[in-house]
Amino acid sequence: MLQSRAKAAFSPDMNESQFERVLNNVARLAVVGIGFAVLLTMLQVGQVFLAPVTLAIVIGLMFGPVADRLESWHVPPALAAGVVVLLLLGVIAGFATLFAVPLSEWVARAPIIWAKLQDQLANLREPLESIGEFQAQIGSVLGSGEAMAVTVEDGSAVTGVAMLAPAILAQIAIFLASLYFFVATRDHIRMSVLSMCVTRRMRWRTAHVFRDVEFKVSRFLLTVTMINLCVGTAVTLAMWAIGMPSPLLWGAMAAVLNYVPYVGQAIMISVLLAVGLGTQTDLLAILLPVICYASINFLEGQLFTPHFIGRTLTLNPFLIFLSITFWIWAWGPVGALVAVPSLLIAQSIIANALPSKPVKPRRPVRRTRQMSDRDILLANAAQVIREQRQDENSEEEQRKQERMEPPRGTAPTGVKPSAG
């Protein structure tokens, strides 16, 4: 009776506190949503500045071990940063050389390839005509008999390039300058950030963030670069073996596009399929380049990448796809290059800012022959929940017993406390 009255007396306060808790949670979510919207706006507005600076930081983390090796040979940091920039320019010039000559040949052959593509797609004329007739019927039913007027503004490609050239040159200059100063002053940046940490635990976690970011990003990018060079070499040899024109071009393109997971492979397959349709007539000859590239990419993704990169650097494919689509939407091709490194940086920050212990039961479930990996994982998770519930119940019973026991130094009425 008394307990029911107490619950009735405290129920309004409990409901009010619960309502306030809900309001606080909604307010926090609203603040997070507003912050995310502001972040998206800043990424879009500041693309000209933020995109080259972010790419410079990622490339600087990649070439950090190179600069460290040069500095270990008593090379000044400023000179080591200059060597890193020159090395990057040399790599870009080498790839541009591989692309230039074969690409110019394919550009010269573009009209012939387009004519052959039209011949290959001639069989689709009847379906397209039927679609056009269906569209005309829909237009007559909806009463929109008048044709849509399209106005094309007068302009030329030269004018467009002339308008974009200053912005592109400015972004290149910002990228090179940011890369140089980041590599030359990365130790000073680390020490400045650590000096702003007020507690020892914060300094320890921040130092581990720097260490993990440099290790993961540099290891990932350098390993992926070596794998991509091997993929490019394999694609070049495969295209040369099947008689595909300009095998160096396809190998270099495969190596570059392999930096962008999923999207780069889709682009490469589409290009090879289009070139096959434009240069070959036999179905096997059209599909053979795509089959060779897909086979090489499958072996790379299933065997070499997991072996050399390891399971510690593997990411959820769905998160990788979301990151690539988001950064391509925000920054275009530059965003595609920084998508995966940004995930690694975010993973390092979250892992050190919110450290978590692996959840394992004290008494793991014994695995049987009928149990799969998913079954054993769910069974152990259920075992952990049961153990936590038992711990909570035992703690609650212990607190009840402590409340029932009299305080120390006192005794019940009529009982003399024992002496000594």
Protein backbone atom coordinates (compact mmCIF):
# COMPACT_ATOMS: atom_id res chain seq x y z
CA MET A 1 0.00 0.00 0.00
CA LEU A 2 2.72 2.40 0.98
CA GLN A 3 4.77 1.43 -2.07
CA SER A 4 1.86 2.11 -4.43
CA ARG A 5 1.29 5.54 -2.85
CA ALA A 6 4.98 6.32 -3.15
CA LYS A 7 4.96 5.37 -6.84
CA ALA A 8 1.87 7.48 -7.42
CA ALA A 9 3.52 10.42 -5.67
CA PHE A 10 6.71 10.16 -7.65
CA SER A 11 5.18 9.36 -11.05
CA PRO A 12 4.65 13.03 -12.11
CA ASP A 13 8.25 13.84 -11.26
CA MET A 14 9.44 10.79 -13.11
CA ASN A 15 7.36 11.67 -16.18
CA GLU A 16 8.61 15.24 -16.08
CA SER A 17 12.23 14.12 -15.83
CA GLN A 18 11.72 11.66 -18.67
CA PHE A 19 10.18 14.41 -20.81
CA GLU A 20 13.11 16.70 -20.09
CA ARG A 21 15.48 13.89 -21.00
CA VAL A 22 13.71 13.44 -24.33
CA LEU A 23 13.88 17.17 -25.00
CA ASN A 24 17.60 17.19 -24.21
CA ASN A 25 18.21 14.31 -26.62
CA VAL A 26 16.19 16.02 -29.35
CA ALA A 27 18.13 19.24 -28.80
CA ARG A 28 21.42 17.40 -29.07
CA LEU A 29 20.35 15.70 -32.28
CA ALA A 30 19.24 19.05 -33.68
CA VAL A 31 22.63 20.58 -32.86
CA VAL A 32 24.37 17.64 -34.56
CA GLY A 33 22.14 18.03 -37.63
CA ILE A 34 22.80 21.77 -37.83
CA GLY A 35 26.54 21.18 -37.48
CA PHE A 36 26.47 18.57 -40.23
CA ALA A 37 24.58 20.94 -42.55
CA VAL A 38 27.09 23.71 -41.83
CA LEU A 39 29.93 21.26 -42.54
CA LEU A 40 28.43 20.32 -45.91
CA THR A 41 28.04 24.00 -46.80
CA MET A 42 31.64 24.74 -45.83
CA LEU A 43 32.91 21.81 -47.93
CA GLN A 44 31.00 23.06 -50.96
CA VAL A 45 31.86 26.74 -50.55
CA GLY A 46 35.52 26.17 -49.64
CA GLN A 47 36.22 23.53 -52.28
CA VAL A 48 38.82 25.67 -54.07
CA PHE A 49 40.91 25.89 -50.89
CA LEU A 50 39.97 22.84 -48.81
CA ALA A 51 40.26 20.21 -51.58
CA PRO A 52 43.93 20.86 -52.50
CA VAL A 53 44.93 21.30 -48.84
CA THR A 54 43.29 18.00 -47.82
CA LEU A 55 44.88 16.19 -50.76
CA ALA A 56 48.26 17.70 -49.80
CA ILE A 57 47.88 16.39 -46.22
CA VAL A 58 47.02 12.90 -47.49
CA ILE A 59 49.96 12.86 -49.93
CA GLY A 60 52.20 14.28 -47.18
CA LEU A 61 51.22 11.41 -44.87
CA MET A 62 52.01 9.00 -47.69
CA PHE A 63 55.50 10.45 -48.26
CA GLY A 64 56.15 10.95 -44.54
CA PRO A 65 58.37 7.82 -44.27
CA VAL A 66 60.43 9.09 -47.22
CA ALA A 67 60.99 12.44 -45.48
CA ASP A 68 61.82 10.66 -42.21
CA ARG A 69 64.45 8.55 -43.97
CA LEU A 70 66.01 11.66 -45.53
CA GLU A 71 66.04 13.47 -42.19
CA SER A 72 67.72 10.44 -40.58
CA TRP A 73 70.57 11.07 -43.06
CA HIS A 74 70.96 14.59 -41.55
CA VAL A 75 69.07 16.27 -44.39
CA PRO A 76 67.32 19.47 -43.20
CA PRO A 77 63.49 19.22 -43.05
CA ALA A 78 63.06 22.03 -45.58
CA LEU A 79 65.32 20.27 -48.09
CA ALA A 80 63.65 16.90 -47.44
CA ALA A 81 60.25 18.46 -48.13
CA GLY A 82 61.57 19.89 -51.40
CA VAL A 83 62.84 16.45 -52.42
CA VAL A 84 59.40 14.96 -51.66
CA VAL A 85 57.68 17.56 -53.85
CA LEU A 86 60.12 16.97 -56.70
CA LEU A 87 59.66 13.21 -56.36
CA LEU A 88 55.89 13.60 -56.62
CA LEU A 89 56.23 15.85 -59.67
CA GLY A 90 58.50 13.25 -61.25
CA VAL A 91 55.94 10.48 -60.67
CA ILE A 92 53.19 12.65 -62.17
CA ALA A 93 55.39 13.46 -65.17
CA GLY A 94 56.11 9.76 -65.69
CA PHE A 95 52.43 8.86 -65.73
CA ALA A 96 51.69 11.81 -68.02
CA THR A 97 54.31 10.50 -70.44
CA LEU A 98 52.71 7.05 -70.40
CA PHE A 99 49.33 8.59 -71.11
CA ALA A 100 50.33 11.26 -73.66
CA VAL A 101 51.48 9.36 -76.75
CA PRO A 102 48.93 6.48 -76.72
CA LEU A 103 46.11 8.82 -75.74
CA SER A 104 46.86 11.12 -78.65
CA GLU A 105 46.67 8.12 -80.99
CA TRP A 106 43.27 7.11 -79.61
CA VAL A 107 42.02 10.69 -79.88
CA ALA A 108 43.04 10.67 -83.55
CA ARG A 109 41.17 7.38 -84.03
CA ALA A 110 38.09 8.61 -82.20
CA PRO A 111 36.00 9.33 -85.37
CA ILE A 112 36.63 5.81 -86.70
CA ILE A 113 35.77 4.23 -83.33
CA TRP A 114 32.60 6.32 -83.15
CA ALA A 115 31.53 5.15 -86.60
CA LYS A 116 32.05 1.51 -85.60
CA LEU A 117 30.14 2.10 -82.39
CA GLN A 118 27.26 3.44 -84.44
CA ASP A 119 27.34 0.30 -86.57
CA GLN A 120 27.36 -1.90 -83.46
CA LEU A 121 24.45 0.02 -81.97
CA ALA A 122 22.44 0.04 -85.16
CA ASN A 123 20.51 -2.99 -83.92
CA LEU A 124 19.10 -0.83 -81.14
CA ARG A 125 17.48 1.56 -83.62
CA GLU A 126 14.12 -0.16 -83.66
CA PRO A 127 13.75 -0.24 -79.84
CA LEU A 128 14.75 3.41 -79.70
CA GLU A 129 12.20 4.29 -82.39
CA SER A 130 9.49 2.47 -80.48
CA ILE A 131 10.45 4.41 -77.35
CA GLY A 132 10.19 7.63 -79.37
CA GLU A 133 6.74 6.70 -80.62
CA PHE A 134 5.65 5.86 -77.08
CA GLN A 135 6.94 9.25 -75.91
CA ALA A 136 4.98 10.98 -78.70
CA GLN A 137 1.81 9.14 -77.68
CA ILE A 138 2.27 10.19 -74.05
CA GLY A 139 2.79 13.77 -75.20
CA SER A 140 -0.42 13.71 -77.24
CA VAL A 141 -2.36 12.25 -74.30
CA LEU A 142 -1.04 14.87 -71.88
CA GLY A 143 -1.73 17.64 -74.38
CA SER A 144 1.84 18.82 -74.77
CA GLY A 145 1.96 18.85 -78.51
CA GLU A 146 4.37 21.75 -78.76
CA ALA A 147 8.03 20.93 -78.88
CA MET A 148 10.25 21.99 -76.05
CA ALA A 149 12.36 25.00 -76.88
CA VAL A 150 16.01 24.65 -75.90
CA THR A 151 18.27 27.67 -75.97
CA VAL A 152 22.00 27.09 -76.17
CA GLU A 153 24.17 29.93 -75.08
CA ASP A 154 26.87 30.95 -77.45
CA GLY A 155 30.25 29.85 -76.22
CA SER A 156 33.27 27.82 -77.20
CA ALA A 157 35.52 25.29 -75.57
CA VAL A 158 38.43 27.71 -75.70
CA THR A 159 36.47 30.27 -73.69
CA GLY A 160 35.56 27.63 -71.08
CA VAL A 161 39.17 26.49 -70.72
CA ALA A 162 40.33 30.10 -70.45
CA MET A 163 37.84 30.71 -67.66
CA LEU A 164 38.81 27.56 -65.75
CA ALA A 165 42.58 27.83 -66.21
CA PRO A 166 43.22 30.41 -63.42
CA ALA A 167 41.22 28.37 -60.88
CA ILE A 168 43.00 25.13 -61.83
CA LEU A 169 46.43 26.78 -61.65
CA ALA A 170 45.55 28.31 -58.27
CA GLN A 171 44.52 24.91 -56.89
CA ILE A 172 47.74 23.33 -58.16
CA ALA A 173 49.79 26.09 -56.51
CA ILE A 174 47.87 25.69 -53.24
CA PHE A 175 48.42 21.93 -53.36
CA LEU A 176 52.18 22.12 -53.94
CA ALA A 177 52.69 24.84 -51.32
CA SER A 178 50.56 22.98 -48.76
CA LEU A 179 52.42 19.74 -49.44
CA TYR A 180 55.81 21.39 -48.99
CA PHE A 181 54.97 23.22 -45.76
CA PHE A 182 53.12 20.22 -44.27
CA VAL A 183 56.04 17.85 -44.85
CA ALA A 184 58.58 20.43 -43.65
CA THR A 185 56.68 21.38 -40.46
CA ARG A 186 54.79 18.21 -39.57
CA ASP A 187 56.84 17.70 -36.38
CA HIS A 188 56.18 21.28 -35.29
CA ILE A 189 52.47 20.81 -35.97
CA ARG A 190 52.46 17.69 -33.79
CA MET A 191 54.27 19.40 -30.93
CA SER A 192 51.99 22.45 -31.13
CA VAL A 193 48.86 20.31 -30.91
CA LEU A 194 50.28 18.26 -28.02
CA SER A 195 51.20 21.44 -26.12
CA MET A 196 47.55 22.52 -26.20
CA CYS A 197 46.44 19.34 -24.40
CA VAL A 198 45.88 20.22 -20.75
CA THR A 199 45.88 16.72 -19.23
CA ARG A 200 48.27 13.82 -19.51
CA ARG A 201 45.56 11.44 -20.71
CA MET A 202 44.57 13.87 -23.47
CA ARG A 203 48.20 14.23 -24.58
CA TRP A 204 48.58 10.45 -24.58
CA ARG A 205 45.48 9.93 -26.72
CA THR A 206 46.42 12.76 -29.11
CA ALA A 207 49.92 11.33 -29.54
CA HIS A 208 48.40 7.93 -30.34
CA VAL A 209 46.08 9.59 -32.89
CA PHE A 210 49.08 11.12 -34.67
CA ARG A 211 50.94 7.83 -34.57
CA ASP A 212 48.01 5.75 -35.87
CA VAL A 213 47.10 8.25 -38.59
CA GLU A 214 50.65 8.44 -39.93
CA PHE A 215 51.14 4.68 -39.73
CA LYS A 216 47.79 3.64 -41.21
CA VAL A 217 47.59 6.22 -44.00
CA SER A 218 51.23 5.92 -45.07
CA ARG A 219 51.18 2.13 -44.92
CA PHE A 220 47.87 1.94 -46.77
CA LEU A 221 48.83 4.36 -49.55
CA LEU A 222 52.34 2.99 -50.08
CA THR A 223 51.09 -0.60 -50.12
CA VAL A 224 48.21 0.28 -52.45
CA THR A 225 50.67 2.10 -54.73
CA MET A 226 52.84 -1.00 -55.01
CA ILE A 227 49.79 -3.19 -55.62
CA ASN A 228 48.48 -0.78 -58.26
CA LEU A 229 51.83 -0.80 -60.05
CA CYS A 230 51.68 -4.60 -60.14
CA VAL A 231 48.09 -4.46 -61.41
CA GLY A 232 49.11 -2.00 -64.11
CA THR A 233 51.98 -4.22 -65.18
CA ALA A 234 49.73 -7.30 -65.29
CA VAL A 235 47.08 -5.45 -67.30
CA THR A 236 49.73 -4.19 -69.71
CA LEU A 237 51.06 -7.71 -70.30
CA ALA A 238 47.54 -9.13 -70.65
CA MET A 239 46.50 -6.50 -73.20
CA TRP A 240 49.72 -7.06 -75.13
CA ALA A 241 49.15 -10.83 -75.11
CA ILE A 242 45.63 -10.57 -76.55
CA GLY A 243 46.68 -8.01 -79.17
CA MET A 244 44.95 -4.96 -77.70
CA PRO A 245 46.37 -1.71 -79.13
CA SER A 246 48.32 0.60 -76.76
CA PRO A 247 48.75 -1.82 -73.86
CA LEU A 248 50.79 0.74 -71.86
CA LEU A 249 47.83 3.11 -71.85
CA TRP A 250 45.46 0.52 -70.41
CA GLY A 251 48.00 -0.58 -67.81
CA ALA A 252 48.61 2.99 -66.64
CA MET A 253 44.87 3.70 -66.59
CA ALA A 254 44.22 0.54 -64.56
CA ALA A 255 46.91 1.54 -62.03
CA VAL A 256 45.52 5.06 -61.58
CA LEU A 257 41.85 4.08 -61.42
CA ASN A 258 42.61 1.33 -58.89
CA TYR A 259 43.13 4.05 -56.25
CA VAL A 260 39.34 4.56 -56.26
CA PRO A 261 37.69 1.29 -55.12
CA TYR A 262 34.61 0.08 -56.99
CA VAL A 263 34.14 3.30 -59.00
CA GLY A 264 37.54 3.07 -60.69
CA GLN A 265 37.00 -0.56 -61.66
CA ALA A 266 33.56 0.26 -63.10
CA ILE A 267 35.04 3.07 -65.19
CA MET A 268 37.85 0.84 -66.46
CA ILE A 269 35.44 -1.93 -67.47
CA SER A 270 33.19 0.58 -69.26
CA VAL A 271 36.14 2.04 -71.18
CA LEU A 272 37.45 -1.37 -72.22
CA LEU A 273 33.98 -2.45 -73.31
CA ALA A 274 33.49 0.71 -75.36
CA VAL A 275 36.90 0.31 -77.01
CA GLY A 276 36.15 -3.34 -77.75
CA LEU A 277 32.83 -2.42 -79.36
CA GLY A 278 34.55 0.23 -81.44
CA THR A 279 37.51 -1.83 -82.62
CA GLN A 280 36.29 -5.46 -82.79
CA THR A 281 33.42 -7.29 -84.43
CA ASP A 282 33.57 -10.71 -82.80
CA LEU A 283 31.80 -11.05 -79.45
CA LEU A 284 34.71 -12.92 -77.84
CA ALA A 285 37.19 -10.30 -79.03
CA ILE A 286 34.96 -7.55 -77.62
CA LEU A 287 34.65 -9.17 -74.18
CA LEU A 288 38.20 -10.57 -73.91
CA PRO A 289 39.84 -7.33 -72.60
CA VAL A 290 37.09 -6.94 -70.02
CA ILE A 291 37.47 -10.58 -68.93
CA CYS A 292 41.24 -10.23 -68.57
CA TYR A 293 40.99 -7.04 -66.54
CA ALA A 294 38.19 -8.41 -64.34
CA SER A 295 40.21 -11.58 -63.65
CA ILE A 296 43.31 -9.59 -62.66
CA ASN A 297 41.25 -7.28 -60.47
CA PHE A 298 39.53 -10.25 -58.82
CA LEU A 299 42.85 -11.88 -57.94
CA GLU A 300 44.18 -8.59 -56.62
CA GLY A 301 41.15 -7.96 -54.45
CA GLN A 302 40.81 -11.48 -53.05
CA LEU A 303 44.45 -12.55 -52.63
CA PHE A 304 47.07 -9.82 -52.74
CA THR A 305 45.33 -6.87 -51.06
CA PRO A 306 44.19 -8.83 -47.95
CA HIS A 307 47.62 -10.45 -47.65
CA PHE A 308 49.77 -7.31 -47.93
CA ILE A 309 47.48 -4.78 -46.26
CA GLY A 310 46.22 -7.10 -43.55
CA ARG A 311 42.99 -7.29 -41.64
CA THR A 312 43.87 -4.37 -39.38
CA LEU A 313 43.42 -1.89 -42.23
CA THR A 314 40.31 -3.42 -43.75
CA LEU A 315 37.20 -1.25 -43.81
CA ASN A 316 33.54 -1.95 -44.30
CA PRO A 317 32.83 -1.94 -48.07
CA PHE A 318 29.54 -0.12 -47.48
CA LEU A 319 31.36 2.67 -45.60
CA ILE A 320 33.95 2.86 -48.40
CA PHE A 321 31.18 3.21 -51.00
CA LEU A 322 29.41 5.90 -48.95
CA SER A 323 32.68 7.78 -48.44
CA ILE A 324 33.54 7.67 -52.14
CA THR A 325 30.09 8.86 -53.24
CA PHE A 326 30.06 11.63 -50.62
CA TRP A 327 33.50 12.98 -51.46
CA ILE A 328 32.92 12.74 -55.22
CA TRP A 329 29.72 14.73 -54.69
CA ALA A 330 31.61 17.28 -52.58
CA TRP A 331 34.92 17.66 -54.42
CA GLY A 332 34.80 15.61 -57.61
CA PRO A 333 37.90 13.61 -58.63
CA VAL A 334 39.94 15.00 -55.74
CA GLY A 335 37.31 13.71 -53.34
CA ALA A 336 37.63 10.23 -54.82
CA LEU A 337 41.35 10.23 -53.96
CA VAL A 338 40.87 11.32 -50.33
CA ALA A 339 37.82 9.12 -49.61
CA VAL A 340 39.57 6.04 -48.22
CA PRO A 341 42.36 7.94 -46.37
CA SER A 342 39.71 10.12 -44.71
CA LEU A 343 38.03 6.95 -43.44
CA LEU A 344 41.34 5.73 -41.99
CA ILE A 345 41.90 9.09 -40.27
CA ALA A 346 38.37 9.07 -38.84
CA GLN A 347 38.85 5.47 -37.66
CA SER A 348 42.08 6.37 -35.85
CA ILE A 349 40.51 9.41 -34.17
CA ILE A 350 37.42 7.51 -33.02
CA ALA A 351 39.44 4.49 -31.83
CA ASN A 352 41.63 6.68 -29.60
CA ALA A 353 38.99 9.18 -28.51
CA LEU A 354 36.47 6.46 -27.63
CA PRO A 355 38.56 3.41 -26.69
CA SER A 356 36.54 0.24 -26.39
CA LYS A 357 37.39 -3.18 -25.02
CA PRO A 358 36.60 -6.31 -27.01
CA VAL A 359 33.37 -7.88 -25.81
CA LYS A 360 34.08 -11.52 -24.94
CA PRO A 361 32.19 -13.83 -22.63
CA ARG A 362 33.92 -15.25 -19.57
CA ARG A 363 32.65 -18.69 -20.58
CA PRO A 364 32.61 -18.87 -24.39
CA VAL A 365 30.04 -21.08 -26.07
CA ARG A 366 31.37 -24.37 -27.31
CA ARG A 367 31.17 -24.66 -31.05
CA THR A 368 29.47 -27.66 -32.65
CA ARG A 369 29.65 -28.96 -36.17
CA GLN A 370 26.25 -27.55 -37.07
CA MET A 371 27.15 -23.99 -35.95
CA SER A 372 28.40 -21.46 -38.51
CA ASP A 373 30.54 -18.39 -37.81
CA ARG A 374 27.41 -16.26 -37.56
CA ASP A 375 25.81 -18.70 -35.11
CA ILE A 376 28.85 -18.77 -32.81
CA LEU A 377 29.06 -14.96 -32.91
CA LEU A 378 25.40 -14.56 -31.94
CA ALA A 379 25.68 -17.22 -29.25
CA ASN A 380 28.69 -15.52 -27.64
CA ALA A 381 26.91 -12.15 -27.82
CA ALA A 382 23.90 -13.66 -26.03
CA GLN A 383 26.24 -15.19 -23.44
CA VAL A 384 27.79 -11.76 -22.79
CA ILE A 385 24.32 -10.27 -22.27
CA ARG A 386 23.41 -13.03 -19.82
CA GLU A 387 26.64 -12.54 -17.88
CA GLN A 388 26.10 -8.80 -17.69
CA ARG A 389 22.55 -9.34 -16.44
CA GLN A 390 23.80 -11.76 -13.79
CA ASP A 391 26.42 -9.24 -12.68
CA GLU A 392 23.80 -6.52 -12.40
CA ASN A 393 21.51 -8.78 -10.37
CA SER A 394 24.33 -9.79 -8.02
CA GLU A 395 25.30 -6.14 -7.52
CA GLU A 396 21.67 -5.27 -6.77
CA GLU A 397 21.42 -8.10 -4.20
CA GLN A 398 24.65 -6.95 -2.61
CA ARG A 399 23.35 -3.38 -2.29
CA LYS A 400 20.12 -4.68 -0.70
CA GLN A 401 22.07 -6.69 1.85
CA GLU A 402 24.23 -3.68 2.66
CA ARG A 403 21.11 -1.59 3.27
CA MET A 404 19.61 -4.27 5.54
CA GLU A 405 22.75 -4.62 7.67
CA PRO A 406 23.09 -2.20 10.63
CA PRO A 407 25.90 0.33 10.57
CA ARG A 408 29.20 -0.67 12.03
CA GLY A 409 29.53 -0.06 15.78
CA THR A 410 25.82 -0.45 16.42
CA ALA A 411 23.71 -3.45 17.38
CA PRO A 412 19.99 -4.29 17.51
CA THR A 413 17.97 -3.32 20.61
CA GLY A 414 18.51 -5.68 23.56
CA VAL A 415 21.76 -7.07 22.24
CA LYS A 416 25.03 -5.96 23.77
CA PRO A 417 27.81 -5.35 21.35
CA SER A 418 30.56 -7.90 21.67
CA ALA A 419 33.69 -6.69 23.33
CA GLY A 420 36.82 -6.79 21.22
